[in-house]
ModelCIF file with pLDDT and N, C-alpha, C, O atoms, coordinates in Angstrom:
data_MODEL
#
_entry.id   MODEL 
#
_entity.id                         1 
_entity.type                       polymer 
_entity.pdbx_number_of_molecules   1 
#
_entity_poly.entity_id                      1 
_entity_poly.type                           'polypeptide(L)' 
_entity_poly.nstd_linkage                   no 
_entity_poly.nstd_monomer                   no 
_entity_poly.pdbx_seq_one_letter_code       YELNCPSCGKPLKKCDDFTVQNKAFKGAVKCRKCRRTYWAFVRAK 
_entity_poly.pdbx_seq_one_letter_code_can   YELNCPSCGKPLKKCDDFTVQNKAFKGAVKCRKCRRTYWAFVRAK 
_entity_poly.pdbx_strand_id                 A 
#
loop_
_entity_poly_seq.entity_id 
_entity_poly_seq.num 
_entity_poly_seq.mon_id 
_entity_poly_seq.hetero 
1 1  TYR n 
1 2  GLU n 
1 3  LEU n 
1 4  ASN n 
1 5  CYS n 
1 6  PRO n 
1 7  SER n 
1 8  CYS n 
1 9  GLY n 
1 10 LYS n 
1 11 PRO n 
1 12 LEU n 
1 13 LYS n 
1 14 LYS n 
1 15 CYS n 
1 16 ASP n 
1 17 ASP n 
1 18 PHE n 
1 19 THR n 
1 20 VAL n 
1 21 GLN n 
1 22 ASN n 
1 23 LYS n 
1 24 ALA n 
1 25 PHE n 
1 26 LYS n 
1 27 GLY n 
1 28 ALA n 
1 29 VAL n 
1 30 LYS n 
1 31 CYS n 
1 32 ARG n 
1 33 LYS n 
1 34 CYS n 
1 35 ARG n 
1 36 ARG n 
1 37 THR n 
1 38 TYR n 
1 39 TRP n 
1 40 ALA n 
1 41 PHE n 
1 42 VAL n 
1 43 ARG n 
1 44 ALA n 
1 45 LYS n 
#
_struct_asym.id          A 
_struct_asym.entity_id   1 
#
loop_
_ma_qa_metric.id 
_ma_qa_metric.mode 
_ma_qa_metric.name 
_ma_qa_metric.software_group_id 
_ma_qa_metric.type 
1 global pLDDT . pLDDT 
2 local  pLDDT . pLDDT 
#
_ma_qa_metric_global.metric_id      1 
_ma_qa_metric_global.metric_value   93.62 
_ma_qa_metric_global.model_id       1 
_ma_qa_metric_global.ordinal_id     1 
#
loop_
_ma_qa_metric_local.label_asym_id 
_ma_qa_metric_local.label_comp_id 
_ma_qa_metric_local.label_seq_id 
_ma_qa_metric_local.metric_id 
_ma_qa_metric_local.metric_value 
_ma_qa_metric_local.model_id 
_ma_qa_metric_local.ordinal_id 
A TYR 1  2 95.00 1 1  
A GLU 2  2 95.00 1 2  
A LEU 3  2 96.00 1 3  
A ASN 4  2 96.00 1 4  
A CYS 5  2 95.00 1 5  
A PRO 6  2 94.00 1 6  
A SER 7  2 92.00 1 7  
A CYS 8  2 93.00 1 8  
A GLY 9  2 94.00 1 9  
A LYS 10 2 94.00 1 10 
A PRO 11 2 95.00 1 11 
A LEU 12 2 95.00 1 12 
A LYS 13 2 92.00 1 13 
A LYS 14 2 91.00 1 14 
A CYS 15 2 88.00 1 15 
A ASP 16 2 85.00 1 16 
A ASP 17 2 91.00 1 17 
A PHE 18 2 95.00 1 18 
A THR 19 2 96.00 1 19 
A VAL 20 2 97.00 1 20 
A GLN 21 2 94.00 1 21 
A ASN 22 2 95.00 1 22 
A LYS 23 2 96.00 1 23 
A ALA 24 2 97.00 1 24 
A PHE 25 2 97.00 1 25 
A LYS 26 2 96.00 1 26 
A GLY 27 2 94.00 1 27 
A ALA 28 2 93.00 1 28 
A VAL 29 2 93.00 1 29 
A LYS 30 2 93.00 1 30 
A CYS 31 2 91.00 1 31 
A ARG 32 2 89.00 1 32 
A LYS 33 2 91.00 1 33 
A CYS 34 2 88.00 1 34 
A ARG 35 2 87.00 1 35 
A ARG 36 2 90.00 1 36 
A THR 37 2 92.00 1 37 
A TYR 38 2 94.00 1 38 
A TRP 39 2 93.00 1 39 
A ALA 40 2 96.00 1 40 
A PHE 41 2 97.00 1 41 
A VAL 42 2 97.00 1 42 
A ARG 43 2 97.00 1 43 
A ALA 44 2 97.00 1 44 
A LYS 45 2 97.00 1 45 
#
loop_
_atom_site.group_PDB 
_atom_site.id 
_atom_site.type_symbol 
_atom_site.label_atom_id 
_atom_site.label_alt_id 
_atom_site.label_comp_id 
_atom_site.label_asym_id 
_atom_site.label_entity_id 
_atom_site.label_seq_id 
_atom_site.pdbx_PDB_ins_code 
_atom_site.Cartn_x 
_atom_site.Cartn_y 
_atom_site.Cartn_z 
_atom_site.occupancy 
_atom_site.B_iso_or_equiv 
_atom_site.pdbx_formal_charge 
_atom_site.auth_seq_id 
_atom_site.auth_comp_id 
_atom_site.auth_asym_id 
_atom_site.auth_atom_id 
_atom_site.pdbx_PDB_model_num 
ATOM 1   N N  . TYR A 1 1  ? -17.045 3.450   -27.678 1.00 95.00 ? 1  TYR A N  1 
ATOM 2   C CA . TYR A 1 1  ? -17.149 3.018   -29.070 1.00 95.00 ? 1  TYR A CA 1 
ATOM 3   C C  . TYR A 1 1  ? -18.523 2.421   -29.323 1.00 95.00 ? 1  TYR A C  1 
ATOM 4   O O  . TYR A 1 1  ? -18.951 1.523   -28.598 1.00 95.00 ? 1  TYR A O  1 
ATOM 5   N N  . GLU A 1 2  ? -19.215 2.906   -30.338 1.00 95.00 ? 2  GLU A N  1 
ATOM 6   C CA . GLU A 1 2  ? -20.576 2.449   -30.627 1.00 95.00 ? 2  GLU A CA 1 
ATOM 7   C C  . GLU A 1 2  ? -20.559 1.182   -31.468 1.00 95.00 ? 2  GLU A C  1 
ATOM 8   O O  . GLU A 1 2  ? -19.897 1.111   -32.503 1.00 95.00 ? 2  GLU A O  1 
ATOM 9   N N  . LEU A 1 3  ? -21.296 0.191   -31.004 1.00 96.00 ? 3  LEU A N  1 
ATOM 10  C CA . LEU A 1 3  ? -21.438 -1.076  -31.724 1.00 96.00 ? 3  LEU A CA 1 
ATOM 11  C C  . LEU A 1 3  ? -22.858 -1.203  -32.244 1.00 96.00 ? 3  LEU A C  1 
ATOM 12  O O  . LEU A 1 3  ? -23.817 -0.870  -31.547 1.00 96.00 ? 3  LEU A O  1 
ATOM 13  N N  . ASN A 1 4  ? -22.986 -1.685  -33.471 1.00 96.00 ? 4  ASN A N  1 
ATOM 14  C CA . ASN A 1 4  ? -24.294 -1.831  -34.094 1.00 96.00 ? 4  ASN A CA 1 
ATOM 15  C C  . ASN A 1 4  ? -24.619 -3.294  -34.356 1.00 96.00 ? 4  ASN A C  1 
ATOM 16  O O  . ASN A 1 4  ? -23.733 -4.099  -34.645 1.00 96.00 ? 4  ASN A O  1 
ATOM 17  N N  . CYS A 1 5  ? -25.873 -3.619  -34.252 1.00 95.00 ? 5  CYS A N  1 
ATOM 18  C CA . CYS A 1 5  ? -26.340 -4.999  -34.413 1.00 95.00 ? 5  CYS A CA 1 
ATOM 19  C C  . CYS A 1 5  ? -25.995 -5.518  -35.806 1.00 95.00 ? 5  CYS A C  1 
ATOM 20  O O  . CYS A 1 5  ? -26.258 -4.842  -36.800 1.00 95.00 ? 5  CYS A O  1 
ATOM 21  N N  . PRO A 1 6  ? -25.415 -6.704  -35.885 1.00 94.00 ? 6  PRO A N  1 
ATOM 22  C CA . PRO A 1 6  ? -25.074 -7.265  -37.197 1.00 94.00 ? 6  PRO A CA 1 
ATOM 23  C C  . PRO A 1 6  ? -26.305 -7.685  -37.995 1.00 94.00 ? 6  PRO A C  1 
ATOM 24  O O  . PRO A 1 6  ? -26.206 -7.930  -39.198 1.00 94.00 ? 6  PRO A O  1 
ATOM 25  N N  . SER A 1 7  ? -27.488 -7.774  -37.329 1.00 92.00 ? 7  SER A N  1 
ATOM 26  C CA . SER A 1 7  ? -28.717 -8.187  -38.021 1.00 92.00 ? 7  SER A CA 1 
ATOM 27  C C  . SER A 1 7  ? -29.518 -6.995  -38.532 1.00 92.00 ? 7  SER A C  1 
ATOM 28  O O  . SER A 1 7  ? -29.906 -6.948  -39.700 1.00 92.00 ? 7  SER A O  1 
ATOM 29  N N  . CYS A 1 8  ? -29.763 -6.024  -37.635 1.00 93.00 ? 8  CYS A N  1 
ATOM 30  C CA . CYS A 1 8  ? -30.625 -4.897  -38.021 1.00 93.00 ? 8  CYS A CA 1 
ATOM 31  C C  . CYS A 1 8  ? -29.895 -3.567  -38.123 1.00 93.00 ? 8  CYS A C  1 
ATOM 32  O O  . CYS A 1 8  ? -30.444 -2.601  -38.653 1.00 93.00 ? 8  CYS A O  1 
ATOM 33  N N  . GLY A 1 9  ? -28.687 -3.503  -37.631 1.00 94.00 ? 9  GLY A N  1 
ATOM 34  C CA . GLY A 1 9  ? -27.911 -2.278  -37.730 1.00 94.00 ? 9  GLY A CA 1 
ATOM 35  C C  . GLY A 1 9  ? -28.169 -1.264  -36.634 1.00 94.00 ? 9  GLY A C  1 
ATOM 36  O O  . GLY A 1 9  ? -27.548 -0.201  -36.629 1.00 94.00 ? 9  GLY A O  1 
ATOM 37  N N  . LYS A 1 10 ? -29.071 -1.561  -35.701 1.00 94.00 ? 10 LYS A N  1 
ATOM 38  C CA . LYS A 1 10 ? -29.375 -0.643  -34.620 1.00 94.00 ? 10 LYS A CA 1 
ATOM 39  C C  . LYS A 1 10 ? -28.266 -0.683  -33.556 1.00 94.00 ? 10 LYS A C  1 
ATOM 40  O O  . LYS A 1 10 ? -27.553 -1.679  -33.437 1.00 94.00 ? 10 LYS A O  1 
ATOM 41  N N  . PRO A 1 11 ? -28.125 0.413   -32.779 1.00 95.00 ? 11 PRO A N  1 
ATOM 42  C CA . PRO A 1 11 ? -27.097 0.435   -31.731 1.00 95.00 ? 11 PRO A CA 1 
ATOM 43  C C  . PRO A 1 11 ? -27.323 -0.671  -30.704 1.00 95.00 ? 11 PRO A C  1 
ATOM 44  O O  . PRO A 1 11 ? -28.456 -0.979  -30.336 1.00 95.00 ? 11 PRO A O  1 
ATOM 45  N N  . LEU A 1 12 ? -26.226 -1.253  -30.254 1.00 95.00 ? 12 LEU A N  1 
ATOM 46  C CA . LEU A 1 12 ? -26.268 -2.310  -29.254 1.00 95.00 ? 12 LEU A CA 1 
ATOM 47  C C  . LEU A 1 12 ? -26.015 -1.729  -27.869 1.00 95.00 ? 12 LEU A C  1 
ATOM 48  O O  . LEU A 1 12 ? -25.302 -0.738  -27.714 1.00 95.00 ? 12 LEU A O  1 
ATOM 49  N N  . LYS A 1 13 ? -26.609 -2.363  -26.872 1.00 92.00 ? 13 LYS A N  1 
ATOM 50  C CA . LYS A 1 13 ? -26.407 -1.959  -25.486 1.00 92.00 ? 13 LYS A CA 1 
ATOM 51  C C  . LYS A 1 13 ? -25.386 -2.893  -24.850 1.00 92.00 ? 13 LYS A C  1 
ATOM 52  O O  . LYS A 1 13 ? -25.496 -4.115  -24.955 1.00 92.00 ? 13 LYS A O  1 
ATOM 53  N N  . LYS A 1 14 ? -24.397 -2.309  -24.192 1.00 91.00 ? 14 LYS A N  1 
ATOM 54  C CA . LYS A 1 14 ? -23.395 -3.113  -23.493 1.00 91.00 ? 14 LYS A CA 1 
ATOM 55  C C  . LYS A 1 14 ? -24.000 -3.657  -22.199 1.00 91.00 ? 14 LYS A C  1 
ATOM 56  O O  . LYS A 1 14 ? -24.573 -2.903  -21.414 1.00 91.00 ? 14 LYS A O  1 
ATOM 57  N N  . CYS A 1 15 ? -23.874 -4.957  -21.981 1.00 88.00 ? 15 CYS A N  1 
ATOM 58  C CA . CYS A 1 15 ? -24.480 -5.618  -20.822 1.00 88.00 ? 15 CYS A CA 1 
ATOM 59  C C  . CYS A 1 15 ? -23.572 -5.593  -19.591 1.00 88.00 ? 15 CYS A C  1 
ATOM 60  O O  . CYS A 1 15 ? -24.059 -5.585  -18.460 1.00 88.00 ? 15 CYS A O  1 
ATOM 61  N N  . ASP A 1 16 ? -22.261 -5.581  -19.806 1.00 85.00 ? 16 ASP A N  1 
ATOM 62  C CA . ASP A 1 16 ? -21.334 -5.542  -18.683 1.00 85.00 ? 16 ASP A CA 1 
ATOM 63  C C  . ASP A 1 16 ? -20.016 -4.961  -19.165 1.00 85.00 ? 16 ASP A C  1 
ATOM 64  O O  . ASP A 1 16 ? -19.896 -4.553  -20.320 1.00 85.00 ? 16 ASP A O  1 
ATOM 65  N N  . ASP A 1 17 ? -19.033 -4.921  -18.287 1.00 91.00 ? 17 ASP A N  1 
ATOM 66  C CA . ASP A 1 17 ? -17.731 -4.372  -18.652 1.00 91.00 ? 17 ASP A CA 1 
ATOM 67  C C  . ASP A 1 17 ? -17.018 -5.301  -19.627 1.00 91.00 ? 17 ASP A C  1 
ATOM 68  O O  . ASP A 1 17 ? -17.139 -6.523  -19.546 1.00 91.00 ? 17 ASP A O  1 
ATOM 69  N N  . PHE A 1 18 ? -16.279 -4.703  -20.539 1.00 95.00 ? 18 PHE A N  1 
ATOM 70  C CA . PHE A 1 18 ? -15.482 -5.473  -21.483 1.00 95.00 ? 18 PHE A CA 1 
ATOM 71  C C  . PHE A 1 18 ? -14.202 -5.963  -20.797 1.00 95.00 ? 18 PHE A C  1 
ATOM 72  O O  . PHE A 1 18 ? -13.708 -5.345  -19.854 1.00 95.00 ? 18 PHE A O  1 
ATOM 73  N N  . THR A 1 19 ? -13.689 -7.070  -21.287 1.00 96.00 ? 19 THR A N  1 
ATOM 74  C CA . THR A 1 19 ? -12.399 -7.592  -20.848 1.00 96.00 ? 19 THR A CA 1 
ATOM 75  C C  . THR A 1 19 ? -11.495 -7.697  -22.074 1.00 96.00 ? 19 THR A C  1 
ATOM 76  O O  . THR A 1 19 ? -11.930 -7.438  -23.195 1.00 96.00 ? 19 THR A O  1 
ATOM 77  N N  . VAL A 1 20 ? -10.246 -8.074  -21.858 1.00 97.00 ? 20 VAL A N  1 
ATOM 78  C CA . VAL A 1 20 ? -9.311  -8.245  -22.971 1.00 97.00 ? 20 VAL A CA 1 
ATOM 79  C C  . VAL A 1 20 ? -8.996  -9.718  -23.130 1.00 97.00 ? 20 VAL A C  1 
ATOM 80  O O  . VAL A 1 20 ? -8.634  -10.397 -22.170 1.00 97.00 ? 20 VAL A O  1 
ATOM 81  N N  . GLN A 1 21 ? -9.140  -10.212 -24.375 1.00 94.00 ? 21 GLN A N  1 
ATOM 82  C CA . GLN A 1 21 ? -8.879  -11.621 -24.663 1.00 94.00 ? 21 GLN A CA 1 
ATOM 83  C C  . GLN A 1 21 ? -8.230  -11.730 -26.031 1.00 94.00 ? 21 GLN A C  1 
ATOM 84  O O  . GLN A 1 21 ? -8.802  -11.292 -27.029 1.00 94.00 ? 21 GLN A O  1 
ATOM 85  N N  . ASN A 1 22 ? -7.044  -12.310 -26.082 1.00 95.00 ? 22 ASN A N  1 
ATOM 86  C CA . ASN A 1 22 ? -6.320  -12.502 -27.350 1.00 95.00 ? 22 ASN A CA 1 
ATOM 87  C C  . ASN A 1 22 ? -6.210  -11.203 -28.154 1.00 95.00 ? 22 ASN A C  1 
ATOM 88  O O  . ASN A 1 22 ? -6.500  -11.171 -29.349 1.00 95.00 ? 22 ASN A O  1 
ATOM 89  N N  . LYS A 1 23 ? -5.785  -10.137 -27.474 1.00 96.00 ? 23 LYS A N  1 
ATOM 90  C CA . LYS A 1 23 ? -5.572  -8.820  -28.085 1.00 96.00 ? 23 LYS A CA 1 
ATOM 91  C C  . LYS A 1 23 ? -6.855  -8.197  -28.630 1.00 96.00 ? 23 LYS A C  1 
ATOM 92  O O  . LYS A 1 23 ? -6.813  -7.337  -29.509 1.00 96.00 ? 23 LYS A O  1 
ATOM 93  N N  . ALA A 1 24 ? -7.986  -8.637  -28.104 1.00 97.00 ? 24 ALA A N  1 
ATOM 94  C CA . ALA A 1 24 ? -9.275  -8.062  -28.506 1.00 97.00 ? 24 ALA A CA 1 
ATOM 95  C C  . ALA A 1 24 ? -10.077 -7.734  -27.255 1.00 97.00 ? 24 ALA A C  1 
ATOM 96  O O  . ALA A 1 24 ? -9.946  -8.398  -26.226 1.00 97.00 ? 24 ALA A O  1 
ATOM 97  N N  . PHE A 1 25 ? -10.902 -6.709  -27.355 1.00 97.00 ? 25 PHE A N  1 
ATOM 98  C CA . PHE A 1 25 ? -11.843 -6.394  -26.285 1.00 97.00 ? 25 PHE A CA 1 
ATOM 99  C C  . PHE A 1 25 ? -13.059 -7.307  -26.457 1.00 97.00 ? 25 PHE A C  1 
ATOM 100 O O  . PHE A 1 25 ? -13.623 -7.406  -27.547 1.00 97.00 ? 25 PHE A O  1 
ATOM 101 N N  . LYS A 1 26 ? -13.453 -7.969  -25.372 1.00 96.00 ? 26 LYS A N  1 
ATOM 102 C CA . LYS A 1 26 ? -14.580 -8.891  -25.424 1.00 96.00 ? 26 LYS A CA 1 
ATOM 103 C C  . LYS A 1 26 ? -15.639 -8.449  -24.419 1.00 96.00 ? 26 LYS A C  1 
ATOM 104 O O  . LYS A 1 26 ? -15.340 -8.134  -23.267 1.00 96.00 ? 26 LYS A O  1 
ATOM 105 N N  . GLY A 1 27 ? -16.897 -8.436  -24.894 1.00 94.00 ? 27 GLY A N  1 
ATOM 106 C CA . GLY A 1 27 ? -17.982 -8.060  -23.997 1.00 94.00 ? 27 GLY A CA 1 
ATOM 107 C C  . GLY A 1 27 ? -19.328 -8.507  -24.529 1.00 94.00 ? 27 GLY A C  1 
ATOM 108 O O  . GLY A 1 27 ? -19.486 -8.764  -25.722 1.00 94.00 ? 27 GLY A O  1 
ATOM 109 N N  . ALA A 1 28 ? -20.312 -8.598  -23.614 1.00 93.00 ? 28 ALA A N  1 
ATOM 110 C CA . ALA A 1 28 ? -21.676 -8.983  -23.991 1.00 93.00 ? 28 ALA A CA 1 
ATOM 111 C C  . ALA A 1 28 ? -22.463 -7.729  -24.367 1.00 93.00 ? 28 ALA A C  1 
ATOM 112 O O  . ALA A 1 28 ? -22.408 -6.714  -23.674 1.00 93.00 ? 28 ALA A O  1 
ATOM 113 N N  . VAL A 1 29 ? -23.195 -7.820  -25.475 1.00 93.00 ? 29 VAL A N  1 
ATOM 114 C CA . VAL A 1 29 ? -24.015 -6.702  -25.949 1.00 93.00 ? 29 VAL A CA 1 
ATOM 115 C C  . VAL A 1 29 ? -25.383 -7.240  -26.375 1.00 93.00 ? 29 VAL A C  1 
ATOM 116 O O  . VAL A 1 29 ? -25.524 -8.403  -26.753 1.00 93.00 ? 29 VAL A O  1 
ATOM 117 N N  . LYS A 1 30 ? -26.398 -6.351  -26.302 1.00 93.00 ? 30 LYS A N  1 
ATOM 118 C CA . LYS A 1 30 ? -27.753 -6.784  -26.599 1.00 93.00 ? 30 LYS A CA 1 
ATOM 119 C C  . LYS A 1 30 ? -28.429 -5.822  -27.563 1.00 93.00 ? 30 LYS A C  1 
ATOM 120 O O  . LYS A 1 30 ? -28.267 -4.605  -27.468 1.00 93.00 ? 30 LYS A O  1 
ATOM 121 N N  . CYS A 1 31 ? -29.192 -6.395  -28.498 1.00 91.00 ? 31 CYS A N  1 
ATOM 122 C CA . CYS A 1 31 ? -30.000 -5.586  -29.416 1.00 91.00 ? 31 CYS A CA 1 
ATOM 123 C C  . CYS A 1 31 ? -31.443 -5.585  -28.898 1.00 91.00 ? 31 CYS A C  1 
ATOM 124 O O  . CYS A 1 31 ? -32.081 -6.634  -28.817 1.00 91.00 ? 31 CYS A O  1 
ATOM 125 N N  . ARG A 1 32 ? -31.943 -4.408  -28.554 1.00 89.00 ? 32 ARG A N  1 
ATOM 126 C CA . ARG A 1 32 ? -33.299 -4.319  -28.023 1.00 89.00 ? 32 ARG A CA 1 
ATOM 127 C C  . ARG A 1 32 ? -34.340 -4.599  -29.093 1.00 89.00 ? 32 ARG A C  1 
ATOM 128 O O  . ARG A 1 32 ? -35.422 -5.101  -28.787 1.00 89.00 ? 32 ARG A O  1 
ATOM 129 N N  . LYS A 1 33 ? -34.030 -4.284  -30.339 1.00 91.00 ? 33 LYS A N  1 
ATOM 130 C CA . LYS A 1 33 ? -35.005 -4.515  -31.409 1.00 91.00 ? 33 LYS A CA 1 
ATOM 131 C C  . LYS A 1 33 ? -35.082 -6.001  -31.764 1.00 91.00 ? 33 LYS A C  1 
ATOM 132 O O  . LYS A 1 33 ? -36.173 -6.565  -31.839 1.00 91.00 ? 33 LYS A O  1 
ATOM 133 N N  . CYS A 1 34 ? -33.944 -6.626  -31.980 1.00 88.00 ? 34 CYS A N  1 
ATOM 134 C CA . CYS A 1 34 ? -33.925 -8.042  -32.371 1.00 88.00 ? 34 CYS A CA 1 
ATOM 135 C C  . CYS A 1 34 ? -34.078 -8.973  -31.172 1.00 88.00 ? 34 CYS A C  1 
ATOM 136 O O  . CYS A 1 34 ? -34.379 -10.156 -31.330 1.00 88.00 ? 34 CYS A O  1 
ATOM 137 N N  . ARG A 1 35 ? -33.870 -8.436  -29.983 1.00 87.00 ? 35 ARG A N  1 
ATOM 138 C CA . ARG A 1 35 ? -33.876 -9.226  -28.756 1.00 87.00 ? 35 ARG A CA 1 
ATOM 139 C C  . ARG A 1 35 ? -32.840 -10.355 -28.821 1.00 87.00 ? 35 ARG A C  1 
ATOM 140 O O  . ARG A 1 35 ? -33.086 -11.484 -28.394 1.00 87.00 ? 35 ARG A O  1 
ATOM 141 N N  . ARG A 1 36 ? -31.707 -10.014 -29.356 1.00 90.00 ? 36 ARG A N  1 
ATOM 142 C CA . ARG A 1 36 ? -30.606 -10.972 -29.437 1.00 90.00 ? 36 ARG A CA 1 
ATOM 143 C C  . ARG A 1 36 ? -29.439 -10.449 -28.609 1.00 90.00 ? 36 ARG A C  1 
ATOM 144 O O  . ARG A 1 36 ? -29.205 -9.244  -28.504 1.00 90.00 ? 36 ARG A O  1 
ATOM 145 N N  . THR A 1 37 ? -28.721 -11.394 -28.029 1.00 92.00 ? 37 THR A N  1 
ATOM 146 C CA . THR A 1 37 ? -27.542 -11.043 -27.232 1.00 92.00 ? 37 THR A CA 1 
ATOM 147 C C  . THR A 1 37 ? -26.313 -11.658 -27.895 1.00 92.00 ? 37 THR A C  1 
ATOM 148 O O  . THR A 1 37 ? -26.338 -12.809 -28.331 1.00 92.00 ? 37 THR A O  1 
ATOM 149 N N  . TYR A 1 38 ? -25.248 -10.882 -27.963 1.00 94.00 ? 38 TYR A N  1 
ATOM 150 C CA . TYR A 1 38 ? -24.032 -11.314 -28.659 1.00 94.00 ? 38 TYR A CA 1 
ATOM 151 C C  . TYR A 1 38 ? -22.804 -11.161 -27.763 1.00 94.00 ? 38 TYR A C  1 
ATOM 152 O O  . TYR A 1 38 ? -22.769 -10.355 -26.834 1.00 94.00 ? 38 TYR A O  1 
ATOM 153 N N  . TRP A 1 39 ? -21.824 -11.956 -28.083 1.00 93.00 ? 39 TRP A N  1 
ATOM 154 C CA . TRP A 1 39 ? -20.473 -11.665 -27.632 1.00 93.00 ? 39 TRP A CA 1 
ATOM 155 C C  . TRP A 1 39 ? -19.852 -10.790 -28.711 1.00 93.00 ? 39 TRP A C  1 
ATOM 156 O O  . TRP A 1 39 ? -19.853 -11.152 -29.888 1.00 93.00 ? 39 TRP A O  1 
ATOM 157 N N  . ALA A 1 40 ? -19.331 -9.662  -28.318 1.00 96.00 ? 40 ALA A N  1 
ATOM 158 C CA . ALA A 1 40 ? -18.664 -8.767  -29.273 1.00 96.00 ? 40 ALA A CA 1 
ATOM 159 C C  . ALA A 1 40 ? -17.154 -8.843  -29.057 1.00 96.00 ? 40 ALA A C  1 
ATOM 160 O O  . ALA A 1 40 ? -16.672 -8.744  -27.928 1.00 96.00 ? 40 ALA A O  1 
ATOM 161 N N  . PHE A 1 41 ? -16.426 -9.016  -30.137 1.00 97.00 ? 41 PHE A N  1 
ATOM 162 C CA . PHE A 1 41 ? -14.967 -9.039  -30.101 1.00 97.00 ? 41 PHE A CA 1 
ATOM 163 C C  . PHE A 1 41 ? -14.475 -7.860  -30.951 1.00 97.00 ? 41 PHE A C  1 
ATOM 164 O O  . PHE A 1 41 ? -14.735 -7.802  -32.153 1.00 97.00 ? 41 PHE A O  1 
ATOM 165 N N  . VAL A 1 42 ? -13.783 -6.949  -30.332 1.00 97.00 ? 42 VAL A N  1 
ATOM 166 C CA . VAL A 1 42 ? -13.354 -5.720  -31.015 1.00 97.00 ? 42 VAL A CA 1 
ATOM 167 C C  . VAL A 1 42 ? -11.833 -5.625  -30.983 1.00 97.00 ? 42 VAL A C  1 
ATOM 168 O O  . VAL A 1 42 ? -11.228 -5.575  -29.913 1.00 97.00 ? 42 VAL A O  1 
ATOM 169 N N  . ARG A 1 43 ? -11.221 -5.600  -32.164 1.00 97.00 ? 43 ARG A N  1 
ATOM 170 C CA . ARG A 1 43 ? -9.770  -5.425  -32.269 1.00 97.00 ? 43 ARG A CA 1 
ATOM 171 C C  . ARG A 1 43 ? -9.492  -4.015  -32.792 1.00 97.00 ? 43 ARG A C  1 
ATOM 172 O O  . ARG A 1 43 ? -10.010 -3.620  -33.837 1.00 97.00 ? 43 ARG A O  1 
ATOM 173 N N  . ALA A 1 44 ? -8.687  -3.275  -32.071 1.00 97.00 ? 44 ALA A N  1 
ATOM 174 C CA . ALA A 1 44 ? -8.302  -1.919  -32.468 1.00 97.00 ? 44 ALA A CA 1 
ATOM 175 C C  . ALA A 1 44 ? -6.801  -1.906  -32.745 1.00 97.00 ? 44 ALA A C  1 
ATOM 176 O O  . ALA A 1 44 ? -5.995  -2.077  -31.831 1.00 97.00 ? 44 ALA A O  1 
ATOM 177 N N  . LYS A 1 45 ? -6.431  -1.703  -34.008 1.00 97.00 ? 45 LYS A N  1 
ATOM 178 C CA . LYS A 1 45 ? -5.023  -1.735  -34.400 1.00 97.00 ? 45 LYS A CA 1 
ATOM 179 C C  . LYS A 1 45 ? -4.534  -0.324  -34.684 1.00 97.00 ? 45 LYS A C  1 
ATOM 180 O O  . LYS A 1 45 ? -3.369  -0.133  -35.031 1.00 97.00 ? 45 LYS A O  1 
#
């Protein structure tokens, strides 16, 4: 699943494997353009 930076909209790079937390997939992602790193929480219903 492709994740895009909430600041610039560019594709994010996954830093490690995702885990499951509170019915959501949680993982670290990085934007190479903004040089920002985020925790991404993805809920798929």
